[in-house]
Protein backbone atom coordinates (compact mmCIF):
# COMPACT_ATOMS: atom_id res chain seq x y z
CA UNK A 1 0.00 0.00 0.00
CA UNK A 2 1.26 3.48 -0.89
CA UNK A 3 0.16 6.73 0.73
CA UNK A 4 1.24 10.18 -0.39
CA UNK A 5 1.28 13.32 1.72
CA UNK A 6 2.73 16.81 1.68
CA UNK A 7 0.85 18.46 -1.14
CA UNK A 8 -0.57 21.96 -0.90
CA UNK A 9 -0.73 25.45 -2.32
CA UNK A 10 2.57 27.25 -2.92
CA UNK A 11 3.62 30.38 -4.76
CA UNK A 12 5.84 30.21 -7.86
CA UNK A 13 9.45 29.82 -6.79
CA UNK A 14 8.43 28.07 -3.59
CA UNK A 15 9.18 24.59 -2.31
CA UNK A 16 7.31 21.50 -1.15
CA UNK A 17 8.39 18.03 -0.10
CA UNK A 18 6.11 15.11 -0.84
CA UNK A 19 6.27 11.83 1.07
CA UNK A 20 5.26 8.35 -0.02
CA UNK A 21 4.85 5.81 2.77
CA UNK A 22 5.25 2.34 1.29
CA UNK A 23 3.59 -0.12 3.68
CA UNK A 24 4.25 -3.79 3.09
CA UNK A 25 7.07 -3.15 0.62
CA UNK A 26 10.80 -3.57 0.88
CA UNK A 27 12.27 -0.49 -0.72
CA UNK A 28 15.55 -2.27 -1.40
CA UNK A 29 13.71 -4.44 -3.93
CA UNK A 30 11.29 -1.87 -5.31
CA UNK A 31 11.33 0.93 -7.80
CA UNK A 32 9.22 3.83 -6.58
CA UNK A 33 8.20 6.43 -9.11
CA UNK A 34 6.43 9.77 -8.84
CA UNK A 35 3.91 10.67 -11.51
CA UNK A 36 1.76 13.75 -11.88
CA UNK A 37 -1.42 14.48 -13.74
CA UNK A 38 -3.02 17.80 -14.62
CA UNK A 39 -6.57 18.22 -15.94
CA UNK A 40 -6.75 17.33 -19.61
CA UNK A 41 -3.22 15.91 -19.69
CA UNK A 42 -1.81 12.42 -19.59
CA UNK A 43 -0.16 11.10 -16.48
CA UNK A 44 3.52 12.09 -16.62
CA UNK A 45 6.49 10.29 -15.06
CA UNK A 46 8.44 12.80 -12.96
CA UNK A 47 11.09 10.83 -11.09
CA UNK A 48 12.01 7.36 -9.93
CA UNK A 49 14.33 5.75 -7.41
CA UNK A 50 15.66 2.24 -7.14
CA UNK A 51 19.43 1.78 -6.96
CA UNK A 52 19.69 4.90 -9.11
CA UNK A 53 17.63 8.02 -9.56
CA UNK A 54 15.84 9.22 -12.67
CA UNK A 55 14.28 12.58 -13.53
CA UNK A 56 12.16 13.98 -16.32
CA UNK A 57 13.88 16.81 -18.16
CA UNK A 58 11.20 19.22 -17.00
CA UNK A 59 12.20 18.80 -13.32
CA UNK A 60 15.95 18.14 -13.47
CA UNK A 61 17.84 20.49 -11.20
CA UNK A 62 14.68 21.44 -9.29
CA UNK A 63 13.35 18.14 -7.87
CA UNK A 64 15.25 15.62 -5.75
CA UNK A 65 14.05 12.10 -5.02
CA UNK A 66 15.33 10.22 -1.99
CA UNK A 67 14.34 7.38 0.29
CA UNK A 68 14.64 6.44 3.94
CA UNK A 69 14.61 2.66 4.08
CA UNK A 70 14.24 2.61 7.87
CA UNK A 71 10.99 4.57 7.50
CA UNK A 72 9.88 2.83 4.31
CA UNK A 73 9.36 6.27 2.83
CA UNK A 74 10.28 7.92 -0.45
CA UNK A 75 10.48 11.70 -0.69
CA UNK A 76 10.23 14.17 -3.53
CA UNK A 77 11.73 17.54 -2.67
CA UNK A 78 10.48 20.14 -5.12
CA UNK A 79 12.18 23.53 -5.37
CA UNK A 80 11.68 26.55 -7.62
CA UNK A 81 8.15 25.39 -8.34
CA UNK A 82 6.40 26.66 -11.45
CA UNK A 83 2.70 26.90 -12.31
CA UNK A 84 3.18 24.07 -14.80
CA UNK A 85 4.14 21.79 -11.89
CA UNK A 86 0.52 21.94 -10.73
CA UNK A 87 -1.25 18.60 -10.63
CA UNK A 88 -2.08 15.53 -8.60
CA UNK A 89 1.12 13.74 -7.64
CA UNK A 90 1.08 9.97 -7.27
CA UNK A 91 3.69 7.53 -6.11
CA UNK A 92 3.72 4.08 -7.66
CA UNK A 93 5.58 0.82 -7.12
CA UNK A 94 7.21 -1.20 -9.86
CA UNK A 95 10.08 -3.53 -10.66
CA UNK A 96 12.40 -1.13 -12.47
CA UNK A 97 12.92 2.56 -13.08
CA UNK A 98 14.05 1.92 -16.65
CA UNK A 99 10.56 2.81 -17.88
CA UNK A 100 9.61 5.30 -15.16
CA UNK A 101 7.75 7.34 -17.76
CA UNK A 102 5.27 4.49 -18.45
CA UNK A 103 2.44 4.34 -15.90
CA UNK A 104 1.39 0.86 -17.07
CA UNK A 105 4.69 -0.57 -15.80
CA UNK A 106 3.79 0.39 -12.22
CA UNK A 107 0.95 -1.78 -10.90
CA UNK A 108 0.50 -0.31 -7.42
CA UNK A 109 -0.52 3.31 -6.83
CA UNK A 110 -1.32 5.67 -4.00
CA UNK A 111 -4.37 7.90 -3.91
CA UNK A 112 -2.46 11.05 -4.90
CA UNK A 113 -1.82 14.44 -3.33
CA UNK A 114 -2.68 17.79 -4.91
CA UNK A 115 0.07 20.31 -5.63
CA UNK A 116 -1.02 23.76 -6.75
CA UNK A 117 1.52 26.40 -7.76
CA UNK A 118 -0.16 29.76 -8.04
CA UNK A 119 0.23 33.34 -6.94
C-alpha cells in the first residue's frame, strides 16, 4: 500500500516536499516512481528511485528524489516550483525505473496528493 502526503498550495518559486509511505514493501527491492497528472493531460512520469535516480527533463535540477529505508518512505523535494508543476502527484511501485515514464509498468498506486503552484 502506498500513501502520499505533503501536497498543498505554494507560490511560484516556492518549495514542497512530498512523502510516499510504502507499507508492506521492501524499498531495497522496489522501484518507486512519482507521476503527476493535470486536468486534460496524460499522467507524466516525474522521477524514480531504485538503486539509481531518474528525472524527467522538466524537473531536473529542481526536484530531488530520496528514500529512507528505515521509515519505508520515499520523498520528492520540489524547489523553484512553477505553475506548470501543478497537478495531482502519485507515487507508484514497480520492478524497475528503466521505464519510469510508463504508468502501465507500475501496478500499485497511492491515492495522490494535490500540488497547486499559483500566486
